[in-house]
Amino acid sequence: MSRRAALVGISLLMVLSACAETGAGSGGDPDSGADQAGAPATAPGDQQAAFSARAERLAELWRDGGTAKSWRTGFVPLQGLTVLSGDVRFNEATKRAYAEGWYRLDTGMPRERGDRTGVVRYAGGATETVPVISLAEAFAEIDKGDPPQPCPDFSIPPPADAKAQDNFEPDRPVSSVDKPCTELTIISARLGTTKVLTSRGEADAPAWLFTVRELRGQVARVAVAPSAVAAPPEIDAADLPPAPDVRAAQDLAKVDGTRLAYRLGVGACDENIKPLVYETGDVVVVGGTATRADRVCTEQLLMHEVTVTLDKPLGARPVIDAATGRVLTLPAVPGR
């Protein structure tokens, strides 16, 4: 995630172009806004042409650079290896605990089976035998420490008047009062499977399933050993000419058949935000376009979710950010 965080600042500078329809390199009729304050400096037709040309070159680099082969083999997850299972419902405190990795055991670790391998089953029927980690190793991956102490009791609201507030638990850090905290209680654990998005589509992967009392559901940790996990391949897009006025895609939000949702990095004054997409039979390239309002704004990066409809289900095709050439993945924590 640290590499991605560094790229976020770079990608905000690489702004792209006009709005596009889905389809293999086809674009819609963008709103030019040519006579409006804050409209892009580049003409819409030039923006679309630049986006399409860059997307086509990225697709060529994907095919020619050996990345396509590694994409089709091995276990390449496109999301974090800690996955929610079932109809899990969060409140503010439990969502924070899940994001931070605050757990406690209310059960003994069950006896493990002797086998040390599992099977990943990919969409389409392909399978792959992989080494698996132990239950203790899986718990160590999800348990990242303890919440700040003391955790505030939010069933008792702080006093409203200023005088009483001055005397309200003065030793408690302000940050802990502002943010509720709790631990998630694991009441059972077993080896099973969970669904995870991979470079070969959705797969059923071996996973340790932790039943959590506060979530009324399970937190699954994919059990594939690190030696069998590959990172998404990268494209070296350094020598490609920049396309003007494209907003960079930061990550995926949801993949559902032909519906593809992703988040754009935009500015506080960006308006009329629209998606851009270039689709071929083996790759999808995305970005976005926006107009900048003619007013004083703070300098910050905001996440704006957009949705496109592809010509066919995404399947095993990579989704590539047009600005940076990165393969997009789902965020490790829901809602982030």
C-alpha atoms as a PDB file:
ATOM      1  CA  MET A   1       0.000   0.000   0.000  1.00  0.00           C
ATOM      2  CA  SER A   2       2.909   2.350   0.573  1.00  0.00           C
ATOM      3  CA  ARG A   3       3.859   2.219  -3.099  1.00  0.00           C
ATOM      4  CA  ARG A   4       0.290   3.048  -4.039  1.00  0.00           C
ATOM      5  CA  ALA A   5       0.158   5.917  -1.572  1.00  0.00           C
ATOM      6  CA  ALA A   6       3.216   7.413  -3.202  1.00  0.00           C
ATOM      7  CA  LEU A   7       1.655   7.068  -6.629  1.00  0.00           C
ATOM      8  CA  VAL A   8      -1.525   8.826  -5.533  1.00  0.00           C
ATOM      9  CA  GLY A   9       0.245  12.171  -5.329  1.00  0.00           C
ATOM     10  CA  ILE A  10       1.813  11.644  -8.731  1.00  0.00           C
ATOM     11  CA  SER A  11      -1.391  10.506 -10.361  1.00  0.00           C
ATOM     12  CA  LEU A  12      -3.258  13.662  -9.332  1.00  0.00           C
ATOM     13  CA  LEU A  13      -0.913  15.638 -11.574  1.00  0.00           C
ATOM     14  CA  MET A  14      -1.653  13.405 -14.561  1.00  0.00           C
ATOM     15  CA  VAL A  15      -5.113  14.622 -15.441  1.00  0.00           C
ATOM     16  CA  LEU A  16      -6.779  13.163 -18.536  1.00  0.00           C
ATOM     17  CA  SER A  17      -9.639  13.731 -20.840  1.00  0.00           C
ATOM     18  CA  ALA A  18     -13.242  13.551 -21.877  1.00  0.00           C
ATOM     19  CA  CYS A  19     -16.044  11.219 -21.104  1.00  0.00           C
ATOM     20  CA  ALA A  20     -16.198   7.921 -23.000  1.00  0.00           C
ATOM     21  CA  GLU A  21     -18.661   5.212 -23.836  1.00  0.00           C
ATOM     22  CA  THR A  22     -17.661   1.657 -23.185  1.00  0.00           C
ATOM     23  CA  GLY A  23     -16.335  -0.361 -26.079  1.00  0.00           C
ATOM     24  CA  ALA A  24     -13.014  -1.242 -27.604  1.00  0.00           C
ATOM     25  CA  GLY A  25     -11.376   2.137 -27.738  1.00  0.00           C
ATOM     26  CA  SER A  26     -14.617   3.948 -28.511  1.00  0.00           C
ATOM     27  CA  GLY A  27     -15.594   7.216 -26.887  1.00  0.00           C
ATOM     28  CA  GLY A  28     -18.823   9.105 -26.308  1.00  0.00           C
ATOM     29  CA  ASP A  29     -19.610  12.727 -27.066  1.00  0.00           C
ATOM     30  CA  PRO A  30     -18.109  14.609 -24.121  1.00  0.00           C
ATOM     31  CA  ASP A  31     -19.559  17.851 -22.800  1.00  0.00           C
ATOM     32  CA  SER A  32     -17.089  20.396 -23.978  1.00  0.00           C
ATOM     33  CA  GLY A  33     -17.909  23.215 -21.570  1.00  0.00           C
ATOM     34  CA  ALA A  34     -15.705  25.324 -23.814  1.00  0.00           C
ATOM     35  CA  ASP A  35     -17.453  28.558 -22.931  1.00  0.00           C
ATOM     36  CA  GLN A  36     -17.781  27.826 -19.215  1.00  0.00           C
ATOM     37  CA  ALA A  37     -15.439  28.961 -16.484  1.00  0.00           C
ATOM     38  CA  GLY A  38     -13.185  26.158 -15.344  1.00  0.00           C
ATOM     39  CA  ALA A  39     -13.521  24.094 -18.525  1.00  0.00           C
ATOM     40  CA  PRO A  40     -10.494  21.983 -19.558  1.00  0.00           C
ATOM     41  CA  ALA A  41      -7.878  23.866 -21.549  1.00  0.00           C
ATOM     42  CA  THR A  42      -7.643  21.001 -24.052  1.00  0.00           C
ATOM     43  CA  ALA A  43     -10.386  20.560 -26.648  1.00  0.00           C
ATOM     44  CA  PRO A  44     -12.596  17.523 -25.980  1.00  0.00           C
ATOM     45  CA  GLY A  45     -11.731  15.837 -29.281  1.00  0.00           C
ATOM     46  CA  ASP A  46      -8.025  16.174 -28.532  1.00  0.00           C
ATOM     47  CA  GLN A  47      -8.563  14.820 -25.011  1.00  0.00           C
ATOM     48  CA  GLN A  48     -10.397  11.747 -26.261  1.00  0.00           C
ATOM     49  CA  ALA A  49      -7.815  11.083 -28.948  1.00  0.00           C
ATOM     50  CA  ALA A  50      -4.981  11.380 -26.413  1.00  0.00           C
ATOM     51  CA  PHE A  51      -6.709   9.048 -23.948  1.00  0.00           C
ATOM     52  CA  SER A  52      -7.457   6.437 -26.613  1.00  0.00           C
ATOM     53  CA  ALA A  53      -3.900   6.574 -27.976  1.00  0.00           C
ATOM     54  CA  ARG A  54      -2.375   6.167 -24.509  1.00  0.00           C
ATOM     55  CA  ALA A  55      -4.774   3.368 -23.603  1.00  0.00           C
ATOM     56  CA  GLU A  56      -3.943   1.522 -26.817  1.00  0.00           C
ATOM     57  CA  ARG A  57      -0.220   1.777 -26.104  1.00  0.00           C
ATOM     58  CA  LEU A  58      -0.733   0.510 -22.547  1.00  0.00           C
ATOM     59  CA  ALA A  59      -2.627  -2.483 -23.930  1.00  0.00           C
ATOM     60  CA  GLU A  60       0.234  -3.183 -26.340  1.00  0.00           C
ATOM     61  CA  LEU A  61       2.802  -2.965 -23.546  1.00  0.00           C
ATOM     62  CA  TRP A  62       0.705  -5.372 -21.494  1.00  0.00           C
ATOM     63  CA  ARG A  63       0.721  -7.934 -24.292  1.00  0.00           C
ATOM     64  CA  ASP A  64       4.333  -7.455 -25.399  1.00  0.00           C
ATOM     65  CA  GLY A  65       6.058  -7.101 -22.028  1.00  0.00           C
ATOM     66  CA  GLY A  66       5.469 -10.632 -20.740  1.00  0.00           C
ATOM     67  CA  THR A  67       2.955  -9.423 -18.178  1.00  0.00           C
ATOM     68  CA  ALA A  68       0.017 -11.147 -19.839  1.00  0.00           C
ATOM     69  CA  LYS A  69       1.615 -14.583 -19.360  1.00  0.00           C
ATOM     70  CA  SER A  70       2.273 -14.109 -15.644  1.00  0.00           C
ATOM     71  CA  TRP A  71      -1.292 -12.797 -15.268  1.00  0.00           C
ATOM     72  CA  ARG A  72      -2.721 -16.084 -16.526  1.00  0.00           C
ATOM     73  CA  THR A  73      -0.635 -18.354 -14.280  1.00  0.00           C
ATOM     74  CA  GLY A  74      -0.223 -18.657 -10.546  1.00  0.00           C
ATOM     75  CA  PHE A  75      -2.236 -17.135  -7.713  1.00  0.00           C
ATOM     76  CA  VAL A  76      -2.420 -13.340  -8.211  1.00  0.00           C
ATOM     77  CA  PRO A  77      -4.942 -11.835  -5.749  1.00  0.00           C
ATOM     78  CA  LEU A  78      -6.510  -8.483  -6.627  1.00  0.00           C
ATOM     79  CA  GLN A  79      -7.641  -7.679  -3.095  1.00  0.00           C
ATOM     80  CA  GLY A  80      -6.388  -7.983   0.456  1.00  0.00           C
ATOM     81  CA  LEU A  81      -6.040 -11.504   1.804  1.00  0.00           C
ATOM     82  CA  THR A  82      -8.294 -10.747   4.779  1.00  0.00           C
ATOM     83  CA  VAL A  83     -11.836 -11.089   3.483  1.00  0.00           C
ATOM     84  CA  LEU A  84     -15.272 -10.633   5.045  1.00  0.00           C
ATOM     85  CA  SER A  85     -17.560 -13.650   4.768  1.00  0.00           C
ATOM     86  CA  GLY A  86     -21.327 -13.536   5.130  1.00  0.00           C
ATOM     87  CA  ASP A  87     -23.650 -10.617   5.815  1.00  0.00           C
ATOM     88  CA  VAL A  88     -21.292  -8.681   8.089  1.00  0.00           C
ATOM     89  CA  ARG A  89     -22.607  -5.392   9.512  1.00  0.00           C
ATOM     90  CA  PHE A  90     -20.280  -2.715  10.909  1.00  0.00           C
ATOM     91  CA  ASN A  91     -20.745   0.136  13.315  1.00  0.00           C
ATOM     92  CA  GLU A  92     -18.123   2.835  13.725  1.00  0.00           C
ATOM     93  CA  ALA A  93     -16.215   0.984  16.443  1.00  0.00           C
ATOM     94  CA  THR A  94     -16.169  -2.450  14.789  1.00  0.00           C
ATOM     95  CA  LYS A  95     -15.221  -1.033  11.400  1.00  0.00           C
ATOM     96  CA  ARG A  96     -12.265   0.697  13.019  1.00  0.00           C
ATOM     97  CA  ALA A  97     -11.297  -2.511  14.822  1.00  0.00           C
ATOM     98  CA  TYR A  98     -11.416  -4.463  11.550  1.00  0.00           C
ATOM     99  CA  ALA A  99      -9.335  -1.845   9.741  1.00  0.00           C
ATOM    100  CA  GLU A 100      -6.733  -1.675  12.524  1.00  0.00           C
ATOM    101  CA  GLY A 101      -6.628  -5.421  13.267  1.00  0.00           C
ATOM    102  CA  TRP A 102      -7.748  -5.457  16.901  1.00  0.00           C
ATOM    103  CA  TYR A 103      -8.709  -9.000  17.919  1.00  0.00           C
ATOM    104  CA  ARG A 104      -8.883 -11.179  21.011  1.00  0.00           C
ATOM    105  CA  LEU A 105      -9.394 -14.929  21.335  1.00  0.00           C
ATOM    106  CA  ASP A 106     -12.340 -16.292  23.292  1.00  0.00           C
ATOM    107  CA  THR A 107     -11.564 -19.844  22.266  1.00  0.00           C
ATOM    108  CA  GLY A 108      -8.619 -22.189  22.156  1.00  0.00           C
ATOM    109  CA  MET A 109      -6.925 -22.832  18.842  1.00  0.00           C
ATOM    110  CA  PRO A 110      -8.400 -26.042  17.376  1.00  0.00           C
ATOM    111  CA  ARG A 111      -6.178 -28.956  16.489  1.00  0.00           C
ATOM    112  CA  GLU A 112      -4.992 -28.607  12.919  1.00  0.00           C
ATOM    113  CA  ARG A 113      -5.081 -31.199  10.195  1.00  0.00           C
ATOM    114  CA  GLY A 114      -1.787 -32.697   9.172  1.00  0.00           C
ATOM    115  CA  ASP A 115      -1.940 -31.751   5.488  1.00  0.00           C
ATOM    116  CA  ARG A 116      -0.158 -28.595   4.401  1.00  0.00           C
ATOM    117  CA  THR A 117      -1.661 -28.073   0.955  1.00  0.00           C
ATOM    118  CA  GLY A 118      -4.949 -26.763  -0.380  1.00  0.00           C
ATOM    119  CA  VAL A 119      -6.619 -26.185  -3.737  1.00  0.00           C
ATOM    120  CA  VAL A 120      -7.534 -22.895  -5.413  1.00  0.00           C
ATOM    121  CA  ARG A 121     -10.503 -23.322  -7.771  1.00  0.00           C
ATOM    122  CA  TYR A 122     -10.748 -20.656 -10.466  1.00  0.00           C
ATOM    123  CA  ALA A 123     -13.766 -19.581 -12.478  1.00  0.00           C
ATOM    124  CA  GLY A 124     -13.912 -21.798 -15.545  1.00  0.00           C
ATOM    125  CA  GLY A 125     -12.811 -24.937 -13.722  1.00  0.00           C
ATOM    126  CA  ALA A 126      -9.016 -24.584 -13.506  1.00  0.00           C
ATOM    127  CA  THR A 127      -7.431 -25.639 -10.202  1.00  0.00           C
ATOM    128  CA  GLU A 128      -4.084 -25.060  -8.531  1.00  0.00           C
ATOM    129  CA  THR A 129      -2.586 -26.924  -5.582  1.00  0.00           C
ATOM    130  CA  VAL A 130      -0.919 -24.495  -3.159  1.00  0.00           C
ATOM    131  CA  PRO A 131       0.861 -24.663   0.206  1.00  0.00           C
ATOM    132  CA  VAL A 132      -1.185 -23.304   3.110  1.00  0.00           C
ATOM    133  CA  ILE A 133      -0.233 -21.467   6.291  1.00  0.00           C
ATOM    134  CA  SER A 134      -1.067 -22.636   9.814  1.00  0.00           C
ATOM    135  CA  LEU A 135      -3.910 -21.306  11.941  1.00  0.00           C
ATOM    136  CA  ALA A 136      -1.440 -19.508  14.205  1.00  0.00           C
ATOM    137  CA  GLU A 137       0.158 -17.836  11.172  1.00  0.00           C
ATOM    138  CA  ALA A 138      -3.262 -16.771   9.874  1.00  0.00           C
ATOM    139  CA  PHE A 139      -4.216 -15.262  13.226  1.00  0.00           C
ATOM    140  CA  ALA A 140      -0.898 -13.393  13.345  1.00  0.00           C
ATOM    141  CA  GLU A 141      -1.731 -11.889   9.927  1.00  0.00           C
ATOM    142  CA  ILE A 142      -5.065 -10.433  11.055  1.00  0.00           C
ATOM    143  CA  ASP A 143      -4.145  -9.484  14.640  1.00  0.00           C
ATOM    144  CA  LYS A 144      -2.146  -6.247  14.451  1.00  0.00           C
ATOM    145  CA  GLY A 145      -2.150  -5.072  18.068  1.00  0.00           C
ATOM    146  CA  ASP A 146      -4.371  -3.645  20.766  1.00  0.00           C
ATOM    147  CA  PRO A 147      -6.707  -0.636  20.743  1.00  0.00           C
ATOM    148  CA  PRO A 148      -5.738   2.496  22.680  1.00  0.00           C
ATOM    149  CA  GLN A 149      -6.508   2.385  26.387  1.00  0.00           C
ATOM    150  CA  PRO A 150      -8.805   3.210  27.887  1.00  0.00           C
ATOM    151  CA  CYS A 151     -11.430   2.604  25.214  1.00  0.00           C
ATOM    152  CA  PRO A 152     -14.178   5.199  25.690  1.00  0.00           C
ATOM    153  CA  ASP A 153     -17.604   4.016  26.811  1.00  0.00           C
ATOM    154  CA  PHE A 154     -19.929   5.545  24.235  1.00  0.00           C
ATOM    155  CA  SER A 155     -23.016   4.455  26.139  1.00  0.00           C
ATOM    156  CA  ILE A 156     -22.272   7.414  28.457  1.00  0.00           C
ATOM    157  CA  PRO A 157     -22.101  10.644  26.411  1.00  0.00           C
ATOM    158  CA  PRO A 158     -19.708  13.372  27.583  1.00  0.00           C
ATOM    159  CA  PRO A 159     -21.324  16.344  29.368  1.00  0.00           C
ATOM    160  CA  ALA A 160     -22.531  19.125  27.118  1.00  0.00           C
ATOM    161  CA  ASP A 161     -21.709  22.203  29.207  1.00  0.00           C
ATOM    162  CA  ALA A 162     -18.226  23.646  29.042  1.00  0.00           C
ATOM    163  CA  LYS A 163     -17.554  23.633  32.810  1.00  0.00           C
ATOM    164  CA  ALA A 164     -18.387  19.959  33.165  1.00  0.00           C
ATOM    165  CA  GLN A 165     -16.410  19.188  30.010  1.00  0.00           C
ATOM    166  CA  ASP A 166     -13.307  20.657  31.656  1.00  0.00           C
ATOM    167  CA  ASN A 167     -13.634  18.044  34.398  1.00  0.00           C
ATOM    168  CA  PHE A 168     -14.571  15.142  32.132  1.00  0.00           C
ATOM    169  CA  GLU A 169     -11.881  12.472  32.418  1.00  0.00           C
ATOM    170  CA  PRO A 170      -8.948  14.875  31.889  1.00  0.00           C
ATOM    171  CA  ASP A 171      -6.434  12.042  31.552  1.00  0.00           C
ATOM    172  CA  ARG A 172      -8.219  10.504  28.573  1.00  0.00           C
ATOM    173  CA  PRO A 173      -6.617  11.415  25.211  1.00  0.00           C
ATOM    174  CA  VAL A 174      -8.862  13.588  23.062  1.00  0.00           C
ATOM    175  CA  SER A 175      -8.270  11.338  20.039  1.00  0.00           C
ATOM    176  CA  SER A 176      -9.635   8.269  21.819  1.00  0.00           C
ATOM    177  CA  VAL A 177     -12.765  10.173  22.864  1.00  0.00           C
ATOM    178  CA  ASP A 178     -13.328  11.302  19.287  1.00  0.00           C
ATOM    179  CA  LYS A 179     -12.969   7.787  17.859  1.00  0.00           C
ATOM    180  CA  PRO A 180     -14.758   4.787  19.375  1.00  0.00           C
ATOM    181  CA  CYS A 181     -12.700   1.645  19.829  1.00  0.00           C
ATOM    182  CA  THR A 182     -13.283  -1.987  20.654  1.00  0.00           C
ATOM    183  CA  GLU A 183     -11.767  -5.419  20.052  1.00  0.00           C
ATOM    184  CA  LEU A 184     -13.269  -8.099  17.849  1.00  0.00           C
ATOM    185  CA  THR A 185     -13.825 -11.376  19.700  1.00  0.00           C
ATOM    186  CA  ILE A 186     -13.004 -14.619  17.861  1.00  0.00           C
ATOM    187  CA  ILE A 187     -15.213 -17.425  19.169  1.00  0.00           C
ATOM    188  CA  SER A 188     -14.248 -20.195  16.713  1.00  0.00           C
ATOM    189  CA  ALA A 189     -11.896 -20.939  13.823  1.00  0.00           C
ATOM    190  CA  ARG A 190     -11.739 -23.596  11.122  1.00  0.00           C
ATOM    191  CA  LEU A 191     -10.110 -24.248   7.756  1.00  0.00           C
ATOM    192  CA  GLY A 192     -12.472 -23.745   4.809  1.00  0.00           C
ATOM    193  CA  THR A 193     -12.611 -21.648   1.653  1.00  0.00           C
ATOM    194  CA  THR A 194     -13.471 -18.077   0.732  1.00  0.00           C
ATOM    195  CA  LYS A 195     -14.077 -16.232  -2.517  1.00  0.00           C
ATOM    196  CA  VAL A 196     -11.365 -13.832  -3.619  1.00  0.00           C
ATOM    197  CA  LEU A 197     -10.878 -11.764  -6.770  1.00  0.00           C
ATOM    198  CA  THR A 198      -7.780 -12.878  -8.684  1.00  0.00           C
ATOM    199  CA  SER A 199      -6.161 -12.237 -12.044  1.00  0.00           C
ATOM    200  CA  ARG A 200      -8.029 -15.298 -13.321  1.00  0.00           C
ATOM    201  CA  GLY A 201     -11.415 -14.098 -12.146  1.00  0.00           C
ATOM    202  CA  GLU A 202     -13.180 -14.949  -8.904  1.00  0.00           C
ATOM    203  CA  ALA A 203     -11.701 -17.998  -7.167  1.00  0.00           C
ATOM    204  CA  ASP A 204     -12.446 -20.212  -4.181  1.00  0.00           C
ATOM    205  CA  ALA A 205      -9.261 -20.215  -2.121  1.00  0.00           C
ATOM    206  CA  PRO A 206      -8.367 -22.130   1.054  1.00  0.00           C
ATOM    207  CA  ALA A 207      -8.839 -19.850   4.059  1.00  0.00           C
ATOM    208  CA  TRP A 208      -8.952 -19.841   7.829  1.00  0.00           C
ATOM    209  CA  LEU A 209     -12.456 -18.749   8.833  1.00  0.00           C
ATOM    210  CA  PHE A 210     -12.684 -16.812  12.120  1.00  0.00           C
ATOM    211  CA  THR A 211     -16.184 -16.386  13.533  1.00  0.00           C
ATOM    212  CA  VAL A 212     -16.388 -12.954  15.194  1.00  0.00           C
ATOM    213  CA  ARG A 213     -19.019 -12.284  17.851  1.00  0.00           C
ATOM    214  CA  GLU A 214     -19.368  -8.522  17.275  1.00  0.00           C
ATOM    215  CA  LEU A 215     -19.760  -8.882  13.496  1.00  0.00           C
ATOM    216  CA  ARG A 216     -22.169 -11.837  13.562  1.00  0.00           C
ATOM    217  CA  GLY A 217     -20.177 -13.200  10.662  1.00  0.00           C
ATOM    218  CA  GLN A 218     -16.746 -14.409   9.693  1.00  0.00           C
ATOM    219  CA  VAL A 219     -13.412 -12.835   8.930  1.00  0.00           C
ATOM    220  CA  ALA A 220     -11.563 -15.082   6.483  1.00  0.00           C
ATOM    221  CA  ARG A 221      -7.807 -15.038   6.033  1.00  0.00           C
ATOM    222  CA  VAL A 222      -6.693 -16.577   2.743  1.00  0.00           C
ATOM    223  CA  ALA A 223      -4.434 -19.482   3.717  1.00  0.00           C
ATOM    224  CA  VAL A 224      -2.269 -19.595   0.576  1.00  0.00           C
ATOM    225  CA  ALA A 225       1.356 -19.439   1.720  1.00  0.00           C
ATOM    226  CA  PRO A 226       3.329 -16.294   0.735  1.00  0.00           C
ATOM    227  CA  SER A 227       5.632 -18.390  -1.458  1.00  0.00           C
ATOM    228  CA  ALA A 228       2.671 -19.113  -3.753  1.00  0.00           C
ATOM    229  CA  VAL A 229       1.246 -15.565  -3.852  1.00  0.00           C
ATOM    230  CA  ALA A 230       2.297 -13.320  -6.759  1.00  0.00           C
ATOM    231  CA  ALA A 231       1.850  -9.547  -6.991  1.00  0.00           C
ATOM    232  CA  PRO A 232       0.019  -8.074  -9.999  1.00  0.00           C
ATOM    233  CA  PRO A 233       2.490  -7.432 -12.837  1.00  0.00           C
ATOM    234  CA  GLU A 234       3.387  -3.839 -13.630  1.00  0.00           C
ATOM    235  CA  ILE A 235       3.670  -1.867 -16.853  1.00  0.00           C
ATOM    236  CA  ASP A 236       6.560   0.529 -17.348  1.00  0.00           C
ATOM    237  CA  ALA A 237       4.709   3.542 -18.745  1.00  0.00           C
ATOM    238  CA  ALA A 238       7.491   6.061 -18.104  1.00  0.00           C
ATOM    239  CA  ASP A 239       8.229   6.625 -21.805  1.00  0.00           C
ATOM    240  CA  LEU A 240       4.630   7.096 -22.898  1.00  0.00           C
ATOM    241  CA  PRO A 241       3.578  10.659 -23.760  1.00  0.00           C
ATOM    242  CA  PRO A 242       1.119  12.037 -21.180  1.00  0.00           C
ATOM    243  CA  ALA A 243      -2.525  12.440 -22.107  1.00  0.00           C
ATOM    244  CA  PRO A 244      -3.947  15.811 -21.083  1.00  0.00           C
ATOM    245  CA  ASP A 245      -6.550  16.257 -18.369  1.00  0.00           C
ATOM    246  CA  VAL A 246      -7.154  12.639 -17.301  1.00  0.00           C
ATOM    247  CA  ARG A 247      -8.054  11.951 -13.673  1.00  0.00           C
ATOM    248  CA  ALA A 248      -6.272   8.834 -12.403  1.00  0.00           C
ATOM    249  CA  ALA A 249      -8.130   5.769 -11.142  1.00  0.00           C
ATOM    250  CA  GLN A 250      -7.056   4.838  -7.606  1.00  0.00           C
ATOM    251  CA  ASP A 251      -8.627   1.407  -7.033  1.00  0.00           C
ATOM    252  CA  LEU A 252     -11.584  -0.810  -7.836  1.00  0.00           C
ATOM    253  CA  ALA A 253     -14.816  -0.453  -5.888  1.00  0.00           C
ATOM    254  CA  LYS A 254     -16.825  -3.397  -7.234  1.00  0.00           C
ATOM    255  CA  VAL A 255     -16.760  -5.919 -10.064  1.00  0.00           C
ATOM    256  CA  ASP A 256     -20.154  -7.401 -10.973  1.00  0.00           C
ATOM    257  CA  GLY A 257     -20.371  -9.010 -14.389  1.00  0.00           C
ATOM    258  CA  THR A 258     -20.308  -6.226 -16.963  1.00  0.00           C
ATOM    259  CA  ARG A 259     -20.616  -3.525 -14.284  1.00  0.00           C
ATOM    260  CA  LEU A 260     -17.274  -2.091 -13.200  1.00  0.00           C
ATOM    261  CA  ALA A 261     -17.039   0.500 -10.415  1.00  0.00           C
ATOM    262  CA  TYR A 262     -13.778   2.279  -9.572  1.00  0.00           C
ATOM    263  CA  ARG A 263     -12.657   5.354  -7.667  1.00  0.00           C
ATOM    264  CA  LEU A 264     -11.085   8.405  -9.286  1.00  0.00           C
ATOM    265  CA  GLY A 265      -8.731  10.778  -7.528  1.00  0.00           C
ATOM    266  CA  VAL A 266     -10.202  14.260  -7.928  1.00  0.00           C
ATOM    267  CA  GLY A 267      -9.697  17.729  -6.497  1.00  0.00           C
ATOM    268  CA  ALA A 268     -11.973  19.630  -4.126  1.00  0.00           C
ATOM    269  CA  CYS A 269     -13.064  21.953  -6.963  1.00  0.00           C
ATOM    270  CA  ASP A 270     -13.592  19.267  -9.609  1.00  0.00           C
ATOM    271  CA  GLU A 271     -17.091  19.091 -11.082  1.00  0.00           C
ATOM    272  CA  ASN A 272     -18.863  17.189 -13.859  1.00  0.00           C
ATOM    273  CA  ILE A 273     -16.806  14.060 -13.072  1.00  0.00           C
ATOM    274  CA  LYS A 274     -17.188  11.299 -15.668  1.00  0.00           C
ATOM    275  CA  PRO A 275     -15.507   7.961 -16.402  1.00  0.00           C
ATOM    276  CA  LEU A 276     -13.300   7.068 -19.334  1.00  0.00           C
ATOM    277  CA  VAL A 277     -12.874   3.472 -20.503  1.00  0.00           C
ATOM    278  CA  TYR A 278     -11.019   1.677 -23.293  1.00  0.00           C
ATOM    279  CA  GLU A 279     -11.925  -2.003 -23.715  1.00  0.00           C
ATOM    280  CA  THR A 280     -10.415  -4.798 -25.791  1.00  0.00           C
ATOM    281  CA  GLY A 281     -10.756  -8.552 -25.609  1.00  0.00           C
ATOM    282  CA  ASP A 282      -7.844  -8.904 -23.193  1.00  0.00           C
ATOM    283  CA  VAL A 283      -7.511  -5.610 -21.271  1.00  0.00           C
ATOM    284  CA  VAL A 284      -9.545  -2.713 -19.856  1.00  0.00           C
ATOM    285  CA  VAL A 285      -8.001   0.747 -19.374  1.00  0.00           C
ATOM    286  CA  VAL A 286      -9.831   3.349 -17.283  1.00  0.00           C
ATOM    287  CA  GLY A 287      -9.535   6.936 -16.132  1.00  0.00           C
ATOM    288  CA  GLY A 288     -11.813   9.918 -15.772  1.00  0.00           C
ATOM    289  CA  THR A 289     -12.463  13.511 -16.716  1.00  0.00           C
ATOM    290  CA  ALA A 290     -13.685  16.559 -14.813  1.00  0.00           C
ATOM    291  CA  THR A 291     -13.921  20.325 -15.028  1.00  0.00           C
ATOM    292  CA  ARG A 292     -12.342  22.522 -12.399  1.00  0.00           C
ATOM    293  CA  ALA A 293     -14.596  25.173 -10.861  1.00  0.00           C
ATOM    294  CA  ASP A 294     -13.399  28.774 -10.999  1.00  0.00           C
ATOM    295  CA  ARG A 295     -13.143  29.379  -7.244  1.00  0.00           C
ATOM    296  CA  VAL A 296     -10.644  29.136  -4.416  1.00  0.00           C
ATOM    297  CA  CYS A 297     -10.197  25.516  -3.279  1.00  0.00           C
ATOM    298  CA  THR A 298      -8.117  23.540  -0.838  1.00  0.00           C
ATOM    299  CA  GLU A 299      -5.440  21.249  -2.248  1.00  0.00           C
ATOM    300  CA  GLN A 300      -6.551  17.712  -1.418  1.00  0.00           C
ATOM    301  CA  LEU A 301      -7.195  14.403  -3.099  1.00  0.00           C
ATOM    302  CA  LEU A 302     -10.788  13.133  -2.854  1.00  0.00           C
ATOM    303  CA  MET A 303     -12.121   9.733  -3.905  1.00  0.00           C
ATOM    304  CA  HIS A 304     -15.065   9.781  -6.329  1.00  0.00           C
ATOM    305  CA  GLU A 305     -16.681   6.492  -7.378  1.00  0.00           C
ATOM    306  CA  VAL A 306     -17.787   6.056 -10.991  1.00  0.00           C
ATOM    307  CA  THR A 307     -19.349   3.093 -12.804  1.00  0.00           C
ATOM    308  CA  VAL A 308     -19.064   1.874 -16.397  1.00  0.00           C
ATOM    309  CA  THR A 309     -20.787  -0.959 -18.240  1.00  0.00           C
ATOM    310  CA  LEU A 310     -18.442  -3.154 -20.270  1.00  0.00           C
ATOM    311  CA  ASP A 311     -19.324  -4.907 -23.499  1.00  0.00           C
ATOM    312  CA  LYS A 312     -18.815  -8.268 -21.787  1.00  0.00           C
ATOM    313  CA  PRO A 313     -18.061  -9.460 -18.216  1.00  0.00           C
ATOM    314  CA  LEU A 314     -14.597  -8.460 -16.992  1.00  0.00           C
ATOM    315  CA  GLY A 315     -13.532 -12.066 -16.434  1.00  0.00           C
ATOM    316  CA  ALA A 316      -9.752 -12.431 -16.292  1.00  0.00           C
ATOM    317  CA  ARG A 317      -8.934  -9.106 -17.952  1.00  0.00           C
ATOM    318  CA  PRO A 318      -6.811  -6.612 -16.010  1.00  0.00           C
ATOM    319  CA  VAL A 319      -8.161  -3.134 -15.235  1.00  0.00           C
ATOM    320  CA  ILE A 320      -5.323  -0.646 -15.800  1.00  0.00           C
ATOM    321  CA  ASP A 321      -5.157   2.993 -14.740  1.00  0.00           C
ATOM    322  CA  ALA A 322      -4.466   5.112 -17.816  1.00  0.00           C
ATOM    323  CA  ALA A 323      -2.422   7.705 -15.929  1.00  0.00           C
ATOM    324  CA  THR A 324       0.070   5.441 -14.134  1.00  0.00           C
ATOM    325  CA  GLY A 325      -0.183   2.049 -15.843  1.00  0.00           C
ATOM    326  CA  ARG A 326      -0.978   0.330 -12.526  1.00  0.00           C
ATOM    327  CA  VAL A 327      -3.244  -2.709 -12.346  1.00  0.00           C
ATOM    328  CA  LEU A 328      -6.168  -1.750 -10.101  1.00  0.00           C
ATOM    329  CA  THR A 329      -7.175  -3.871  -7.122  1.00  0.00           C
ATOM    330  CA  LEU A 330      -9.940  -3.801  -4.499  1.00  0.00           C
ATOM    331  CA  PRO A 331      -9.125  -1.945  -1.262  1.00  0.00           C
ATOM    332  CA  ALA A 332      -8.093  -4.090   1.717  1.00  0.00           C
ATOM    333  CA  VAL A 333     -10.681  -2.434   3.976  1.00  0.00           C
ATOM    334  CA  PRO A 334     -14.289  -1.892   2.809  1.00  0.00           C
ATOM    335  CA  GLY A 335     -15.211   1.758   2.335  1.00  0.00           C
ATOM    336  CA  ARG A 336     -11.617   2.989   2.188  1.00  0.00           C
END
